[in-house]
Amino acid sequence: MIGGGRATVRAALYMGALTAVRRNLTLRDFYDRLCKLGKPKKVALTAVMRKLLTILNAMLKQRTAWRPACVA
């Protein structure tokens, strides 16, 4: 269960992570790797949320646009 942070940001990251796991090959591979290591699916999805937040923060800092690497 995730209890920290703002609920609206958490909800947006959750939905973004769900979509990323389905459509972004890099984040899907990351999610699959965590699941194969025995992590529960919700824990793996939370890790994808954190990775997505890190990517978005770096994009803001460097003022770059989203460039999809691979879309399935």
PDB file of N, CA and C in Angstrom:
ATOM      1  N   MET A   1       0.841  -1.180   0.000  1.00  0.00           N
ATOM      2  CA  MET A   1       0.000   0.000   0.000  1.00  0.00           C
ATOM      3  C   MET A   1       0.882   1.239   0.000  1.00  0.00           C
ATOM      4  N   ILE A   2       0.521   2.178  -0.845  1.00  0.00           N
ATOM      5  CA  ILE A   2       1.257   3.434  -0.909  1.00  0.00           C
ATOM      6  C   ILE A   2       0.455   4.473  -0.144  1.00  0.00           C
ATOM      7  N   GLY A   3       1.052   5.067   0.856  1.00  0.00           N
ATOM      8  CA  GLY A   3       0.318   6.033   1.657  1.00  0.00           C
ATOM      9  C   GLY A   3       0.883   7.434   1.597  1.00  0.00           C
ATOM     10  N   GLY A   4       2.120   7.594   1.142  1.00  0.00           N
ATOM     11  CA  GLY A   4       2.753   8.906   1.145  1.00  0.00           C
ATOM     12  C   GLY A   4       2.481   9.690  -0.122  1.00  0.00           C
ATOM     13  N   GLY A   5       2.732  10.981  -0.032  1.00  0.00           N
ATOM     14  CA  GLY A   5       2.593  11.838  -1.200  1.00  0.00           C
ATOM     15  C   GLY A   5       1.171  12.302  -1.429  1.00  0.00           C
ATOM     16  N   ARG A   6       1.025  13.077  -2.495  1.00  0.00           N
ATOM     17  CA  ARG A   6      -0.287  13.613  -2.840  1.00  0.00           C
ATOM     18  C   ARG A   6      -1.084  12.575  -3.620  1.00  0.00           C
ATOM     19  N   ALA A   7      -2.340  12.438  -3.266  1.00  0.00           N
ATOM     20  CA  ALA A   7      -3.190  11.406  -3.866  1.00  0.00           C
ATOM     21  C   ALA A   7      -3.367  11.618  -5.363  1.00  0.00           C
ATOM     22  N   THR A   8      -3.499  12.862  -5.804  1.00  0.00           N
ATOM     23  CA  THR A   8      -3.716  13.108  -7.235  1.00  0.00           C
ATOM     24  C   THR A   8      -2.483  12.747  -8.051  1.00  0.00           C
ATOM     25  N   VAL A   9      -1.305  13.076  -7.525  1.00  0.00           N
ATOM     26  CA  VAL A   9      -0.058  12.735  -8.224  1.00  0.00           C
ATOM     27  C   VAL A   9       0.121  11.224  -8.237  1.00  0.00           C
ATOM     28  N   ARG A  10      -0.164  10.593  -7.108  1.00  0.00           N
ATOM     29  CA  ARG A  10      -0.047   9.135  -7.000  1.00  0.00           C
ATOM     30  C   ARG A  10      -0.980   8.439  -7.983  1.00  0.00           C
ATOM     31  N   ALA A  11      -2.198   8.938  -8.104  1.00  0.00           N
ATOM     32  CA  ALA A  11      -3.162   8.344  -9.033  1.00  0.00           C
ATOM     33  C   ALA A  11      -2.712   8.519 -10.475  1.00  0.00           C
ATOM     34  N   ALA A  12      -2.182   9.689 -10.798  1.00  0.00           N
ATOM     35  CA  ALA A  12      -1.697   9.934 -12.161  1.00  0.00           C
ATOM     36  C   ALA A  12      -0.505   9.040 -12.484  1.00  0.00           C
ATOM     37  N   LEU A  13       0.400   8.876 -11.540  1.00  0.00           N
ATOM     38  CA  LEU A  13       1.553   7.999 -11.756  1.00  0.00           C
ATOM     39  C   LEU A  13       1.116   6.538 -11.894  1.00  0.00           C
ATOM     40  N   TYR A  14       0.121   6.140 -11.125  1.00  0.00           N
ATOM     41  CA  TYR A  14      -0.373   4.768 -11.197  1.00  0.00           C
ATOM     42  C   TYR A  14      -0.937   4.476 -12.587  1.00  0.00           C
ATOM     43  N   MET A  15      -1.790   5.374 -13.080  1.00  0.00           N
ATOM     44  CA  MET A  15      -2.383   5.166 -14.399  1.00  0.00           C
ATOM     45  C   MET A  15      -1.313   5.238 -15.496  1.00  0.00           C
ATOM     46  N   GLY A  16      -0.365   6.151 -15.335  1.00  0.00           N
ATOM     47  CA  GLY A  16       0.730   6.247 -16.293  1.00  0.00           C
ATOM     48  C   GLY A  16       1.594   4.996 -16.297  1.00  0.00           C
ATOM     49  N   ALA A  17       1.821   4.434 -15.110  1.00  0.00           N
ATOM     50  CA  ALA A  17       2.624   3.219 -15.011  1.00  0.00           C
ATOM     51  C   ALA A  17       1.898   2.028 -15.635  1.00  0.00           C
ATOM     52  N   LEU A  18       0.590   1.947 -15.435  1.00  0.00           N
ATOM     53  CA  LEU A  18      -0.182   0.868 -16.059  1.00  0.00           C
ATOM     54  C   LEU A  18      -0.067   0.923 -17.582  1.00  0.00           C
ATOM     55  N   THR A  19      -0.206   2.117 -18.125  1.00  0.00           N
ATOM     56  CA  THR A  19      -0.092   2.287 -19.573  1.00  0.00           C
ATOM     57  C   THR A  19       1.327   2.004 -20.039  1.00  0.00           C
ATOM     58  N   ALA A  20       2.318   2.467 -19.278  1.00  0.00           N
ATOM     59  CA  ALA A  20       3.711   2.268 -19.665  1.00  0.00           C
ATOM     60  C   ALA A  20       4.079   0.784 -19.692  1.00  0.00           C
ATOM     61  N   VAL A  21       3.564   0.032 -18.738  1.00  0.00           N
ATOM     62  CA  VAL A  21       3.865  -1.405 -18.689  1.00  0.00           C
ATOM     63  C   VAL A  21       3.301  -2.119 -19.919  1.00  0.00           C
ATOM     64  N   ARG A  22       2.223  -1.597 -20.446  1.00  0.00           N
ATOM     65  CA  ARG A  22       1.617  -2.207 -21.637  1.00  0.00           C
ATOM     66  C   ARG A  22       2.237  -1.720 -22.935  1.00  0.00           C
ATOM     67  N   ARG A  23       2.676  -0.462 -22.989  1.00  0.00           N
ATOM     68  CA  ARG A  23       3.052   0.149 -24.262  1.00  0.00           C
ATOM     69  C   ARG A  23       4.528   0.498 -24.428  1.00  0.00           C
ATOM     70  N   ASN A  24       5.253   0.727 -23.343  1.00  0.00           N
ATOM     71  CA  ASN A  24       6.651   1.132 -23.428  1.00  0.00           C
ATOM     72  C   ASN A  24       7.533  -0.092 -23.186  1.00  0.00           C
ATOM     73  N   LEU A  25       8.316  -0.457 -24.196  1.00  0.00           N
ATOM     74  CA  LEU A  25       9.116  -1.685 -24.105  1.00  0.00           C
ATOM     75  C   LEU A  25      10.145  -1.639 -22.976  1.00  0.00           C
ATOM     76  N   THR A  26      10.758  -0.486 -22.758  1.00  0.00           N
ATOM     77  CA  THR A  26      11.774  -0.372 -21.710  1.00  0.00           C
ATOM     78  C   THR A  26      11.164  -0.594 -20.335  1.00  0.00           C
ATOM     79  N   LEU A  27      10.058   0.086 -20.065  1.00  0.00           N
ATOM     80  CA  LEU A  27       9.424  -0.070 -18.759  1.00  0.00           C
ATOM     81  C   LEU A  27       8.740  -1.419 -18.620  1.00  0.00           C
ATOM     82  N   ARG A  28       8.268  -1.996 -19.721  1.00  0.00           N
ATOM     83  CA  ARG A  28       7.680  -3.342 -19.672  1.00  0.00           C
ATOM     84  C   ARG A  28       8.749  -4.371 -19.313  1.00  0.00           C
ATOM     85  N   ASP A  29       9.929  -4.248 -19.920  1.00  0.00           N
ATOM     86  CA  ASP A  29      11.021  -5.165 -19.596  1.00  0.00           C
ATOM     87  C   ASP A  29      11.429  -5.045 -18.130  1.00  0.00           C
ATOM     88  N   PHE A  30      11.473  -3.810 -17.625  1.00  0.00           N
ATOM     89  CA  PHE A  30      11.804  -3.573 -16.221  1.00  0.00           C
ATOM     90  C   PHE A  30      10.777  -4.251 -15.310  1.00  0.00           C
ATOM     91  N   TYR A  31       9.495  -4.072 -15.621  1.00  0.00           N
ATOM     92  CA  TYR A  31       8.405  -4.672 -14.851  1.00  0.00           C
ATOM     93  C   TYR A  31       8.486  -6.198 -14.902  1.00  0.00           C
ATOM     94  N   ASP A  32       8.676  -6.752 -16.100  1.00  0.00           N
ATOM     95  CA  ASP A  32       8.759  -8.210 -16.249  1.00  0.00           C
ATOM     96  C   ASP A  32       9.943  -8.787 -15.487  1.00  0.00           C
ATOM     97  N   ARG A  33      11.068  -8.074 -15.512  1.00  0.00           N
ATOM     98  CA  ARG A  33      12.269  -8.544 -14.805  1.00  0.00           C
ATOM     99  C   ARG A  33      12.009  -8.605 -13.302  1.00  0.00           C
ATOM    100  N   LEU A  34      11.342  -7.584 -12.766  1.00  0.00           N
ATOM    101  CA  LEU A  34      11.031  -7.591 -11.333  1.00  0.00           C
ATOM    102  C   LEU A  34      10.062  -8.716 -10.983  1.00  0.00           C
ATOM    103  N   CYS A  35       9.077  -8.940 -11.851  1.00  0.00           N
ATOM    104  CA  CYS A  35       8.116 -10.022 -11.598  1.00  0.00           C
ATOM    105  C   CYS A  35       8.806 -11.384 -11.639  1.00  0.00           C
ATOM    106  N   LYS A  36       9.739 -11.569 -12.564  1.00  0.00           N
ATOM    107  CA  LYS A  36      10.461 -12.841 -12.654  1.00  0.00           C
ATOM    108  C   LYS A  36      11.366 -13.066 -11.453  1.00  0.00           C
ATOM    109  N   LEU A  37      11.796 -11.970 -10.809  1.00  0.00           N
ATOM    110  CA  LEU A  37      12.616 -12.087  -9.606  1.00  0.00           C
ATOM    111  C   LEU A  37      11.774 -12.398  -8.367  1.00  0.00           C
ATOM    112  N   GLY A  38      10.454 -12.488  -8.556  1.00  0.00           N
ATOM    113  CA  GLY A  38       9.585 -12.869  -7.450  1.00  0.00           C
ATOM    114  C   GLY A  38       8.895 -11.718  -6.755  1.00  0.00           C
ATOM    115  N   LYS A  39       9.038 -10.507  -7.270  1.00  0.00           N
ATOM    116  CA  LYS A  39       8.349  -9.371  -6.660  1.00  0.00           C
ATOM    117  C   LYS A  39       6.856  -9.467  -6.956  1.00  0.00           C
ATOM    118  N   PRO A  40       6.019  -9.113  -6.007  1.00  0.00           N
ATOM    119  CA  PRO A  40       4.582  -9.059  -6.293  1.00  0.00           C
ATOM    120  C   PRO A  40       4.302  -8.014  -7.376  1.00  0.00           C
ATOM    121  N   LYS A  41       3.248  -8.235  -8.139  1.00  0.00           N
ATOM    122  CA  LYS A  41       2.966  -7.349  -9.268  1.00  0.00           C
ATOM    123  C   LYS A  41       2.749  -5.907  -8.840  1.00  0.00           C
ATOM    124  N   LYS A  42       2.116  -5.696  -7.716  1.00  0.00           N
ATOM    125  CA  LYS A  42       1.875  -4.330  -7.259  1.00  0.00           C
ATOM    126  C   LYS A  42       3.184  -3.652  -6.839  1.00  0.00           C
ATOM    127  N   VAL A  43       4.100  -4.412  -6.273  1.00  0.00           N
ATOM    128  CA  VAL A  43       5.411  -3.863  -5.908  1.00  0.00           C
ATOM    129  C   VAL A  43       6.181  -3.494  -7.170  1.00  0.00           C
ATOM    130  N   ALA A  44       6.132  -4.352  -8.177  1.00  0.00           N
ATOM    131  CA  ALA A  44       6.802  -4.070  -9.444  1.00  0.00           C
ATOM    132  C   ALA A  44       6.191  -2.839 -10.103  1.00  0.00           C
ATOM    133  N   LEU A  45       4.873  -2.700 -10.031  1.00  0.00           N
ATOM    134  CA  LEU A  45       4.218  -1.536 -10.619  1.00  0.00           C
ATOM    135  C   LEU A  45       4.599  -0.261  -9.867  1.00  0.00           C
ATOM    136  N   THR A  46       4.761  -0.355  -8.561  1.00  0.00           N
ATOM    137  CA  THR A  46       5.209   0.792  -7.774  1.00  0.00           C
ATOM    138  C   THR A  46       6.624   1.193  -8.171  1.00  0.00           C
ATOM    139  N   ALA A  47       7.463   0.223  -8.473  1.00  0.00           N
ATOM    140  CA  ALA A  47       8.820   0.520  -8.940  1.00  0.00           C
ATOM    141  C   ALA A  47       8.777   1.214 -10.303  1.00  0.00           C
ATOM    142  N   VAL A  48       7.852   0.806 -11.161  1.00  0.00           N
ATOM    143  CA  VAL A  48       7.684   1.470 -12.454  1.00  0.00           C
ATOM    144  C   VAL A  48       7.204   2.906 -12.237  1.00  0.00           C
ATOM    145  N   MET A  49       6.317   3.113 -11.272  1.00  0.00           N
ATOM    146  CA  MET A  49       5.857   4.464 -10.954  1.00  0.00           C
ATOM    147  C   MET A  49       7.035   5.350 -10.554  1.00  0.00           C
ATOM    148  N   ARG A  50       7.900   4.819  -9.722  1.00  0.00           N
ATOM    149  CA  ARG A  50       9.069   5.592  -9.266  1.00  0.00           C
ATOM    150  C   ARG A  50      10.009   5.882 -10.423  1.00  0.00           C
ATOM    151  N   LYS A  51      10.240   4.895 -11.275  1.00  0.00           N
ATOM    152  CA  LYS A  51      11.111   5.092 -12.427  1.00  0.00           C
ATOM    153  C   LYS A  51      10.520   6.130 -13.379  1.00  0.00           C
ATOM    154  N   LEU A  52       9.213   6.082 -13.580  1.00  0.00           N
ATOM    155  CA  LEU A  52       8.533   7.053 -14.432  1.00  0.00           C
ATOM    156  C   LEU A  52       8.666   8.458 -13.853  1.00  0.00           C
ATOM    157  N   LEU A  53       8.524   8.587 -12.541  1.00  0.00           N
ATOM    158  CA  LEU A  53       8.685   9.885 -11.892  1.00  0.00           C
ATOM    159  C   LEU A  53      10.109  10.402 -12.057  1.00  0.00           C
ATOM    160  N   THR A  54      11.091   9.525 -11.939  1.00  0.00           N
ATOM    161  CA  THR A  54      12.481   9.917 -12.124  1.00  0.00           C
ATOM    162  C   THR A  54      12.726  10.398 -13.552  1.00  0.00           C
ATOM    163  N   ILE A  55      12.169   9.701 -14.522  1.00  0.00           N
ATOM    164  CA  ILE A  55      12.304  10.098 -15.927  1.00  0.00           C
ATOM    165  C   ILE A  55      11.662  11.467 -16.154  1.00  0.00           C
ATOM    166  N   LEU A  56      10.459  11.667 -15.620  1.00  0.00           N
ATOM    167  CA  LEU A  56       9.767  12.942 -15.798  1.00  0.00           C
ATOM    168  C   LEU A  56      10.512  14.093 -15.126  1.00  0.00           C
ATOM    169  N   ASN A  57      11.073  13.862 -13.944  1.00  0.00           N
ATOM    170  CA  ASN A  57      11.856  14.895 -13.274  1.00  0.00           C
ATOM    171  C   ASN A  57      13.095  15.257 -14.077  1.00  0.00           C
ATOM    172  N   ALA A  58      13.754  14.257 -14.665  1.00  0.00           N
ATOM    173  CA  ALA A  58      14.937  14.527 -15.496  1.00  0.00           C
ATOM    174  C   ALA A  58      14.551  15.315 -16.750  1.00  0.00           C
ATOM    175  N   MET A  59      13.393  14.985 -17.321  1.00  0.00           N
ATOM    176  CA  MET A  59      12.933  15.722 -18.500  1.00  0.00           C
ATOM    177  C   MET A  59      12.667  17.185 -18.158  1.00  0.00           C
ATOM    178  N   LEU A  60      12.073  17.439 -17.013  1.00  0.00           N
ATOM    179  CA  LEU A  60      11.836  18.824 -16.592  1.00  0.00           C
ATOM    180  C   LEU A  60      13.141  19.563 -16.338  1.00  0.00           C
ATOM    181  N   LYS A  61      14.083  18.900 -15.691  1.00  0.00           N
ATOM    182  CA  LYS A  61      15.358  19.529 -15.374  1.00  0.00           C
ATOM    183  C   LYS A  61      16.139  19.874 -16.637  1.00  0.00           C
ATOM    184  N   GLN A  62      16.129  18.960 -17.607  1.00  0.00           N
ATOM    185  CA  GLN A  62      16.890  19.166 -18.839  1.00  0.00           C
ATOM    186  C   GLN A  62      16.076  19.856 -19.930  1.00  0.00           C
ATOM    187  N   ARG A  63      14.788  20.098 -19.643  1.00  0.00           N
ATOM    188  CA  ARG A  63      13.874  20.739 -20.592  1.00  0.00           C
ATOM    189  C   ARG A  63      13.834  20.014 -21.929  1.00  0.00           C
ATOM    190  N   THR A  64      13.601  18.721 -21.844  1.00  0.00           N
ATOM    191  CA  THR A  64      13.499  17.902 -23.043  1.00  0.00           C
ATOM    192  C   THR A  64      12.074  17.366 -23.177  1.00  0.00           C
ATOM    193  N   ALA A  65      11.720  17.048 -24.395  1.00  0.00           N
ATOM    194  CA  ALA A  65      10.387  16.495 -24.662  1.00  0.00           C
ATOM    195  C   ALA A  65      10.439  14.971 -24.560  1.00  0.00           C
ATOM    196  N   TRP A  66       9.260  14.369 -24.382  1.00  0.00           N
ATOM    197  CA  TRP A  66       9.167  12.915 -24.329  1.00  0.00           C
ATOM    198  C   TRP A  66       9.467  12.339 -25.717  1.00  0.00           C
ATOM    199  N   ARG A  67      10.385  11.413 -25.775  1.00  0.00           N
ATOM    200  CA  ARG A  67      10.704  10.735 -27.034  1.00  0.00           C
ATOM    201  C   ARG A  67      10.503   9.258 -26.803  1.00  0.00           C
ATOM    202  N   PRO A  68       9.417   8.710 -27.342  1.00  0.00           N
ATOM    203  CA  PRO A  68       9.193   7.274 -27.125  1.00  0.00           C
ATOM    204  C   PRO A  68      10.273   6.452 -27.817  1.00  0.00           C
ATOM    205  N   ALA A  69      10.942   5.621 -27.027  1.00  0.00           N
ATOM    206  CA  ALA A  69      12.014   4.780 -27.576  1.00  0.00           C
ATOM    207  C   ALA A  69      11.416   3.701 -28.450  1.00  0.00           C
ATOM    208  N   CYS A  70      10.505   2.964 -27.910  1.00  0.00           N
ATOM    209  CA  CYS A  70       9.848   1.869 -28.655  1.00  0.00           C
ATOM    210  C   CYS A  70       8.417   1.776 -28.167  1.00  0.00           C
ATOM    211  N   VAL A  71       7.508   1.716 -29.086  1.00  0.00           N
ATOM    212  CA  VAL A  71       6.112   1.554 -28.728  1.00  0.00           C
ATOM    213  C   VAL A  71       5.622   0.272 -29.353  1.00  0.00           C
ATOM    214  N   ALA A  72       5.004  -0.571 -28.535  1.00  0.00           N
ATOM    215  CA  ALA A  72       4.518  -1.849 -29.050  1.00  0.00           C
ATOM    216  C   ALA A  72       3.061  -1.759 -29.425  1.00  0.00           C
TER     217      ALA A  72
END
